[in-house]
PDB file of all heavy atoms in Angstrom:
ATOM      1  N   PHE A   1      15.709   6.914  -0.188  1.00  0.00           N
ATOM      2  CA  PHE A   1      17.105   7.191   0.138  1.00  0.00           C
ATOM      3  C   PHE A   1      18.035   6.733  -0.988  1.00  0.00           C
ATOM      4  O   PHE A   1      19.022   7.396  -1.304  1.00  0.00           O
ATOM      5  CB  PHE A   1      17.477   6.499   1.460  1.00  0.00           C
ATOM      6  CG  PHE A   1      18.905   6.693   1.860  1.00  0.00           C
ATOM      7  CD1 PHE A   1      19.332   7.905   2.400  1.00  0.00           C
ATOM      8  CD2 PHE A   1      19.835   5.678   1.683  1.00  0.00           C
ATOM      9  CE1 PHE A   1      20.655   8.098   2.767  1.00  0.00           C
ATOM     10  CE2 PHE A   1      21.166   5.862   2.050  1.00  0.00           C
ATOM     11  CZ  PHE A   1      21.582   7.076   2.591  1.00  0.00           C
ATOM     12  N   GLN A   2      17.699   5.609  -1.604  1.00  0.00           N
ATOM     13  CA  GLN A   2      18.545   5.067  -2.666  1.00  0.00           C
ATOM     14  C   GLN A   2      18.166   5.586  -4.059  1.00  0.00           C
ATOM     15  O   GLN A   2      18.772   5.175  -5.049  1.00  0.00           O
ATOM     16  CB  GLN A   2      18.508   3.536  -2.632  1.00  0.00           C
ATOM     17  CG  GLN A   2      19.151   2.990  -1.370  1.00  0.00           C
ATOM     18  CD  GLN A   2      19.137   1.477  -1.283  1.00  0.00           C
ATOM     19  OE1 GLN A   2      18.324   0.799  -1.898  1.00  0.00           O
ATOM     20  NE2 GLN A   2      20.060   0.934  -0.496  1.00  0.00           N
ATOM     21  N   GLY A   3      17.168   6.459  -4.121  1.00  0.00           N
ATOM     22  CA  GLY A   3      16.782   7.052  -5.398  1.00  0.00           C
ATOM     23  C   GLY A   3      16.154   6.077  -6.376  1.00  0.00           C
ATOM     24  O   GLY A   3      16.239   6.269  -7.590  1.00  0.00           O
ATOM     25  N   GLU A   4      15.491   5.061  -5.864  1.00  0.00           N
ATOM     26  CA  GLU A   4      14.858   4.045  -6.708  1.00  0.00           C
ATOM     27  C   GLU A   4      13.401   4.436  -6.969  1.00  0.00           C
ATOM     28  O   GLU A   4      12.485   4.053  -6.240  1.00  0.00           O
ATOM     29  CB  GLU A   4      14.933   2.675  -6.030  1.00  0.00           C
ATOM     30  CG  GLU A   4      16.341   2.167  -5.819  1.00  0.00           C
ATOM     31  CD  GLU A   4      16.995   1.688  -7.111  1.00  0.00           C
ATOM     32  OE1 GLU A   4      16.288   1.479  -8.127  1.00  0.00           O
ATOM     33  OE2 GLU A   4      18.223   1.524  -7.095  1.00  0.00           O
ATOM     34  N   GLN A   5      13.180   5.207  -8.032  1.00  0.00           N
ATOM     35  CA  GLN A   5      11.851   5.751  -8.334  1.00  0.00           C
ATOM     36  C   GLN A   5      10.801   4.657  -8.572  1.00  0.00           C
ATOM     37  O   GLN A   5       9.691   4.738  -8.068  1.00  0.00           O
ATOM     38  CB  GLN A   5      11.928   6.669  -9.552  1.00  0.00           C
ATOM     39  CG  GLN A   5      12.799   7.890  -9.368  1.00  0.00           C
ATOM     40  CD  GLN A   5      12.234   8.854  -8.356  1.00  0.00           C
ATOM     41  OE1 GLN A   5      11.025   9.005  -8.210  1.00  0.00           O
ATOM     42  NE2 GLN A   5      13.118   9.530  -7.628  1.00  0.00           N
ATOM     43  N   GLY A   6      11.154   3.650  -9.374  1.00  0.00           N
ATOM     44  CA  GLY A   6      10.194   2.587  -9.660  1.00  0.00           C
ATOM     45  C   GLY A   6       9.796   1.814  -8.415  1.00  0.00           C
ATOM     46  O   GLY A   6       8.628   1.476  -8.228  1.00  0.00           O
ATOM     47  N   ALA A   7      10.762   1.536  -7.556  1.00  0.00           N
ATOM     48  CA  ALA A   7      10.456   0.841  -6.308  1.00  0.00           C
ATOM     49  C   ALA A   7       9.595   1.721  -5.406  1.00  0.00           C
ATOM     50  O   ALA A   7       8.666   1.222  -4.758  1.00  0.00           O
ATOM     51  CB  ALA A   7      11.743   0.437  -5.590  1.00  0.00           C
ATOM     52  N   GLN A   8       9.888   3.008  -5.376  1.00  0.00           N
ATOM     53  CA  GLN A   8       9.060   3.925  -4.579  1.00  0.00           C
ATOM     54  C   GLN A   8       7.610   3.839  -5.038  1.00  0.00           C
ATOM     55  O   GLN A   8       6.689   3.746  -4.215  1.00  0.00           O
ATOM     56  CB  GLN A   8       9.542   5.364  -4.734  1.00  0.00           C
ATOM     57  CG  GLN A   8      10.835   5.673  -4.040  1.00  0.00           C
ATOM     58  CD  GLN A   8      11.264   7.110  -4.296  1.00  0.00           C
ATOM     59  OE1 GLN A   8      10.492   8.037  -4.071  1.00  0.00           O
ATOM     60  NE2 GLN A   8      12.493   7.287  -4.766  1.00  0.00           N
ATOM     61  N   GLN A   9       7.403   3.870  -6.341  1.00  0.00           N
ATOM     62  CA  GLN A   9       6.051   3.809  -6.879  1.00  0.00           C
ATOM     63  C   GLN A   9       5.377   2.482  -6.526  1.00  0.00           C
ATOM     64  O   GLN A   9       4.229   2.456  -6.078  1.00  0.00           O
ATOM     65  CB  GLN A   9       6.077   3.990  -8.392  1.00  0.00           C
ATOM     66  CG  GLN A   9       4.702   3.995  -9.013  1.00  0.00           C
ATOM     67  CD  GLN A   9       4.788   4.201 -10.512  1.00  0.00           C
ATOM     68  OE1 GLN A   9       5.474   3.460 -11.214  1.00  0.00           O
ATOM     69  NE2 GLN A   9       4.114   5.226 -10.989  1.00  0.00           N
ATOM     70  N   SER A  10       6.098   1.390  -6.690  1.00  0.00           N
ATOM     71  CA  SER A  10       5.536   0.080  -6.390  1.00  0.00           C
ATOM     72  C   SER A  10       5.167  -0.036  -4.909  1.00  0.00           C
ATOM     73  O   SER A  10       4.085  -0.527  -4.566  1.00  0.00           O
ATOM     74  CB  SER A  10       6.546  -1.010  -6.783  1.00  0.00           C
ATOM     75  OG  SER A  10       5.973  -2.281  -6.713  1.00  0.00           O
ATOM     76  N   PHE A  11       6.043   0.424  -4.038  1.00  0.00           N
ATOM     77  CA  PHE A  11       5.753   0.388  -2.598  1.00  0.00           C
ATOM     78  C   PHE A  11       4.597   1.319  -2.240  1.00  0.00           C
ATOM     79  O   PHE A  11       3.751   0.979  -1.408  1.00  0.00           O
ATOM     80  CB  PHE A  11       6.997   0.736  -1.782  1.00  0.00           C
ATOM     81  CG  PHE A  11       8.117  -0.269  -1.879  1.00  0.00           C
ATOM     82  CD1 PHE A  11       9.435   0.150  -1.794  1.00  0.00           C
ATOM     83  CD2 PHE A  11       7.869  -1.628  -2.037  1.00  0.00           C
ATOM     84  CE1 PHE A  11      10.490  -0.765  -1.870  1.00  0.00           C
ATOM     85  CE2 PHE A  11       8.905  -2.556  -2.124  1.00  0.00           C
ATOM     86  CZ  PHE A  11      10.226  -2.119  -2.034  1.00  0.00           C
ATOM     87  N   HIS A  12       4.542   2.491  -2.864  1.00  0.00           N
ATOM     88  CA  HIS A  12       3.437   3.434  -2.624  1.00  0.00           C
ATOM     89  C   HIS A  12       2.103   2.816  -3.035  1.00  0.00           C
ATOM     90  O   HIS A  12       1.108   2.913  -2.306  1.00  0.00           O
ATOM     91  CB  HIS A  12       3.673   4.742  -3.377  1.00  0.00           C
ATOM     92  CG  HIS A  12       2.476   5.620  -3.452  1.00  0.00           C
ATOM     93  ND1 HIS A  12       1.987   6.307  -2.359  1.00  0.00           N
ATOM     94  CD2 HIS A  12       1.648   5.898  -4.480  1.00  0.00           C
ATOM     95  CE1 HIS A  12       0.901   6.983  -2.720  1.00  0.00           C
ATOM     96  NE2 HIS A  12       0.677   6.751  -3.999  1.00  0.00           N
ATOM     97  N   TYR A  13       2.081   2.196  -4.225  1.00  0.00           N
ATOM     98  CA  TYR A  13       0.844   1.556  -4.682  1.00  0.00           C
ATOM     99  C   TYR A  13       0.374   0.519  -3.664  1.00  0.00           C
ATOM    100  O   TYR A  13      -0.803   0.477  -3.298  1.00  0.00           O
ATOM    101  CB  TYR A  13       1.062   0.851  -6.022  1.00  0.00           C
ATOM    102  CG  TYR A  13       1.194   1.732  -7.233  1.00  0.00           C
ATOM    103  CD1 TYR A  13       1.543   1.178  -8.456  1.00  0.00           C
ATOM    104  CD2 TYR A  13       0.977   3.105  -7.195  1.00  0.00           C
ATOM    105  CE1 TYR A  13       1.672   1.948  -9.606  1.00  0.00           C
ATOM    106  CE2 TYR A  13       1.112   3.890  -8.327  1.00  0.00           C
ATOM    107  CZ  TYR A  13       1.451   3.296  -9.539  1.00  0.00           C
ATOM    108  OH  TYR A  13       1.571   4.055 -10.671  1.00  0.00           O
ATOM    109  N   ALA A  14       1.280  -0.330  -3.217  1.00  0.00           N
ATOM    110  CA  ALA A  14       0.908  -1.391  -2.278  1.00  0.00           C
ATOM    111  C   ALA A  14       0.455  -0.811  -0.946  1.00  0.00           C
ATOM    112  O   ALA A  14      -0.590  -1.212  -0.413  1.00  0.00           O
ATOM    113  CB  ALA A  14       2.078  -2.346  -2.082  1.00  0.00           C
ATOM    114  N   LEU A  15       1.204   0.143  -0.413  1.00  0.00           N
ATOM    115  CA  LEU A  15       0.849   0.739   0.876  1.00  0.00           C
ATOM    116  C   LEU A  15      -0.543   1.375   0.820  1.00  0.00           C
ATOM    117  O   LEU A  15      -1.360   1.176   1.725  1.00  0.00           O
ATOM    118  CB  LEU A  15       1.890   1.783   1.285  1.00  0.00           C
ATOM    119  CG  LEU A  15       1.621   2.558   2.574  1.00  0.00           C
ATOM    120  CD1 LEU A  15       1.490   1.628   3.770  1.00  0.00           C
ATOM    121  CD2 LEU A  15       2.732   3.576   2.813  1.00  0.00           C
ATOM    122  N   SER A  16      -0.819   2.103  -0.234  1.00  0.00           N
ATOM    123  CA  SER A  16      -2.136   2.748  -0.375  1.00  0.00           C
ATOM    124  C   SER A  16      -3.251   1.710  -0.429  1.00  0.00           C
ATOM    125  O   SER A  16      -4.325   1.909   0.155  1.00  0.00           O
ATOM    126  CB  SER A  16      -2.161   3.606  -1.639  1.00  0.00           C
ATOM    127  OG  SER A  16      -1.196   4.627  -1.562  1.00  0.00           O
ATOM    128  N   SER A  17      -3.007   0.615  -1.116  1.00  0.00           N
ATOM    129  CA  SER A  17      -4.014  -0.440  -1.234  1.00  0.00           C
ATOM    130  C   SER A  17      -4.221  -1.184   0.075  1.00  0.00           C
ATOM    131  O   SER A  17      -5.352  -1.532   0.428  1.00  0.00           O
ATOM    132  CB  SER A  17      -3.586  -1.439  -2.312  1.00  0.00           C
ATOM    133  OG  SER A  17      -3.446  -0.801  -3.548  1.00  0.00           O
ATOM    134  N   GLU A  18      -3.135  -1.442   0.787  1.00  0.00           N
ATOM    135  CA  GLU A  18      -3.237  -2.222   2.024  1.00  0.00           C
ATOM    136  C   GLU A  18      -4.100  -1.505   3.054  1.00  0.00           C
ATOM    137  O   GLU A  18      -4.780  -2.151   3.853  1.00  0.00           O
ATOM    138  CB  GLU A  18      -1.859  -2.534   2.605  1.00  0.00           C
ATOM    139  CG  GLU A  18      -0.864  -3.187   1.666  1.00  0.00           C
ATOM    140  CD  GLU A  18      -1.290  -4.479   0.986  1.00  0.00           C
ATOM    141  OE1 GLU A  18      -2.471  -4.868   1.032  1.00  0.00           O
ATOM    142  OE2 GLU A  18      -0.417  -5.112   0.396  1.00  0.00           O
ATOM    143  N   ARG A  19      -4.083  -0.192   3.046  1.00  0.00           N
ATOM    144  CA  ARG A  19      -4.955   0.563   3.967  1.00  0.00           C
ATOM    145  C   ARG A  19      -6.420   0.235   3.709  1.00  0.00           C
ATOM    146  O   ARG A  19      -7.205   0.055   4.650  1.00  0.00           O
ATOM    147  CB  ARG A  19      -4.696   2.062   3.819  1.00  0.00           C
ATOM    148  CG  ARG A  19      -3.357   2.502   4.334  1.00  0.00           C
ATOM    149  CD  ARG A  19      -3.154   3.998   4.152  1.00  0.00           C
ATOM    150  NE  ARG A  19      -1.857   4.408   4.656  1.00  0.00           N
ATOM    151  CZ  ARG A  19      -0.953   5.083   3.950  1.00  0.00           C
ATOM    152  NH1 ARG A  19      -1.220   5.456   2.712  1.00  0.00           N
ATOM    153  NH2 ARG A  19       0.200   5.401   4.489  1.00  0.00           N
ATOM    154  N   GLU A  20      -6.784   0.186   2.446  1.00  0.00           N
ATOM    155  CA  GLU A  20      -8.166  -0.156   2.079  1.00  0.00           C
ATOM    156  C   GLU A  20      -8.480  -1.599   2.451  1.00  0.00           C
ATOM    157  O   GLU A  20      -9.563  -1.900   2.937  1.00  0.00           O
ATOM    158  CB  GLU A  20      -8.389   0.066   0.583  1.00  0.00           C
ATOM    159  CG  GLU A  20      -8.249   1.501   0.140  1.00  0.00           C
ATOM    160  CD  GLU A  20      -9.229   2.443   0.803  1.00  0.00           C
ATOM    161  OE1 GLU A  20     -10.406   2.052   1.009  1.00  0.00           O
ATOM    162  OE2 GLU A  20      -8.825   3.573   1.137  1.00  0.00           O
ATOM    163  N   HIS A  21      -7.524  -2.490   2.208  1.00  0.00           N
ATOM    164  CA  HIS A  21      -7.749  -3.906   2.520  1.00  0.00           C
ATOM    165  C   HIS A  21      -8.020  -4.107   4.010  1.00  0.00           C
ATOM    166  O   HIS A  21      -8.957  -4.823   4.385  1.00  0.00           O
ATOM    167  CB  HIS A  21      -6.540  -4.748   2.105  1.00  0.00           C
ATOM    168  CG  HIS A  21      -6.260  -4.717   0.638  1.00  0.00           C
ATOM    169  ND1 HIS A  21      -5.085  -5.198   0.110  1.00  0.00           N
ATOM    170  CD2 HIS A  21      -6.992  -4.268  -0.402  1.00  0.00           C
ATOM    171  CE1 HIS A  21      -5.108  -5.041  -1.203  1.00  0.00           C
ATOM    172  NE2 HIS A  21      -6.252  -4.470  -1.536  1.00  0.00           N
ATOM    173  N   ALA A  22      -7.221  -3.481   4.857  1.00  0.00           N
ATOM    174  CA  ALA A  22      -7.421  -3.616   6.303  1.00  0.00           C
ATOM    175  C   ALA A  22      -8.802  -3.124   6.704  1.00  0.00           C
ATOM    176  O   ALA A  22      -9.502  -3.780   7.485  1.00  0.00           O
ATOM    177  CB  ALA A  22      -6.331  -2.860   7.066  1.00  0.00           C
ATOM    178  N   ALA A  23      -9.212  -1.979   6.173  1.00  0.00           N
ATOM    179  CA  ALA A  23     -10.527  -1.420   6.505  1.00  0.00           C
ATOM    180  C   ALA A  23     -11.651  -2.340   6.036  1.00  0.00           C
ATOM    181  O   ALA A  23     -12.643  -2.547   6.759  1.00  0.00           O
ATOM    182  CB  ALA A  23     -10.680  -0.026   5.884  1.00  0.00           C
ATOM    183  N   MET A  24     -11.495  -2.916   4.862  1.00  0.00           N
ATOM    184  CA  MET A  24     -12.533  -3.813   4.340  1.00  0.00           C
ATOM    185  C   MET A  24     -12.614  -5.096   5.172  1.00  0.00           C
ATOM    186  O   MET A  24     -13.705  -5.600   5.447  1.00  0.00           O
ATOM    187  CB  MET A  24     -12.259  -4.120   2.867  1.00  0.00           C
ATOM    188  CG  MET A  24     -12.385  -2.885   1.980  1.00  0.00           C
ATOM    189  SD  MET A  24     -11.889  -3.206   0.276  1.00  0.00           S
ATOM    190  CE  MET A  24     -13.517  -3.505  -0.427  1.00  0.00           C
ATOM    191  N   PHE A  25     -11.467  -5.628   5.583  1.00  0.00           N
ATOM    192  CA  PHE A  25     -11.468  -6.815   6.435  1.00  0.00           C
ATOM    193  C   PHE A  25     -12.114  -6.516   7.789  1.00  0.00           C
ATOM    194  O   PHE A  25     -12.856  -7.337   8.332  1.00  0.00           O
ATOM    195  CB  PHE A  25     -10.050  -7.343   6.646  1.00  0.00           C
ATOM    196  CG  PHE A  25      -9.473  -8.099   5.485  1.00  0.00           C
ATOM    197  CD1 PHE A  25      -8.097  -8.114   5.285  1.00  0.00           C
ATOM    198  CD2 PHE A  25     -10.264  -8.822   4.601  1.00  0.00           C
ATOM    199  CE1 PHE A  25      -7.533  -8.834   4.231  1.00  0.00           C
ATOM    200  CE2 PHE A  25      -9.716  -9.534   3.540  1.00  0.00           C
ATOM    201  CZ  PHE A  25      -8.347  -9.543   3.358  1.00  0.00           C
ATOM    202  N   LYS A  26     -11.824  -5.345   8.363  1.00  0.00           N
ATOM    203  CA  LYS A  26     -12.422  -4.971   9.651  1.00  0.00           C
ATOM    204  C   LYS A  26     -13.938  -4.891   9.540  1.00  0.00           C
ATOM    205  O   LYS A  26     -14.664  -5.399  10.412  1.00  0.00           O
ATOM    206  CB  LYS A  26     -11.853  -3.641  10.142  1.00  0.00           C
ATOM    207  CG  LYS A  26     -10.438  -3.740  10.644  1.00  0.00           C
ATOM    208  CD  LYS A  26      -9.887  -2.381  11.029  1.00  0.00           C
ATOM    209  CE  LYS A  26      -8.414  -2.475  11.407  1.00  0.00           C
ATOM    210  NZ  LYS A  26      -7.822  -1.150  11.678  1.00  0.00           N
ATOM    211  N   LYS A  27     -14.428  -4.267   8.488  1.00  0.00           N
ATOM    212  CA  LYS A  27     -15.874  -4.149   8.273  1.00  0.00           C
ATOM    213  C   LYS A  27     -16.504  -5.533   8.128  1.00  0.00           C
ATOM    214  O   LYS A  27     -17.522  -5.826   8.755  1.00  0.00           O
ATOM    215  CB  LYS A  27     -16.150  -3.305   7.025  1.00  0.00           C
ATOM    216  CG  LYS A  27     -17.609  -3.194   6.658  1.00  0.00           C
ATOM    217  CD  LYS A  27     -17.806  -2.409   5.377  1.00  0.00           C
ATOM    218  CE  LYS A  27     -19.252  -2.457   4.926  1.00  0.00           C
ATOM    219  NZ  LYS A  27     -19.442  -1.806   3.628  1.00  0.00           N
ATOM    220  N   ALA A  28     -15.872  -6.392   7.343  1.00  0.00           N
ATOM    221  CA  ALA A  28     -16.409  -7.738   7.122  1.00  0.00           C
ATOM    222  C   ALA A  28     -16.421  -8.539   8.418  1.00  0.00           C
ATOM    223  O   ALA A  28     -17.371  -9.283   8.687  1.00  0.00           O
ATOM    224  CB  ALA A  28     -15.581  -8.454   6.055  1.00  0.00           C
ATOM    225  N   ARG A  29     -15.393  -8.372   9.229  1.00  0.00           N
ATOM    226  CA  ARG A  29     -15.322  -9.140  10.479  1.00  0.00           C
ATOM    227  C   ARG A  29     -16.458  -8.759  11.426  1.00  0.00           C
ATOM    228  O   ARG A  29     -16.986  -9.627  12.148  1.00  0.00           O
ATOM    229  CB  ARG A  29     -13.970  -8.954  11.169  1.00  0.00           C
ATOM    230  CG  ARG A  29     -13.863  -9.860  12.393  1.00  0.00           C
ATOM    231  CD  ARG A  29     -12.443 -10.113  12.817  1.00  0.00           C
ATOM    232  NE  ARG A  29     -12.455 -11.114  13.874  1.00  0.00           N
ATOM    233  CZ  ARG A  29     -12.045 -10.896  15.115  1.00  0.00           C
ATOM    234  NH1 ARG A  29     -11.547  -9.729  15.464  1.00  0.00           N
ATOM    235  NH2 ARG A  29     -12.100 -11.853  16.011  1.00  0.00           N
TER     236      ARG A  29
END
């Protein structure tokens, strides 16, 4: 909404990674 391209990219990178992290933690548990 605020047109912050770099922040969008940084948030996208983190969001994409966190999905993998949750799945890996679930498998390990």
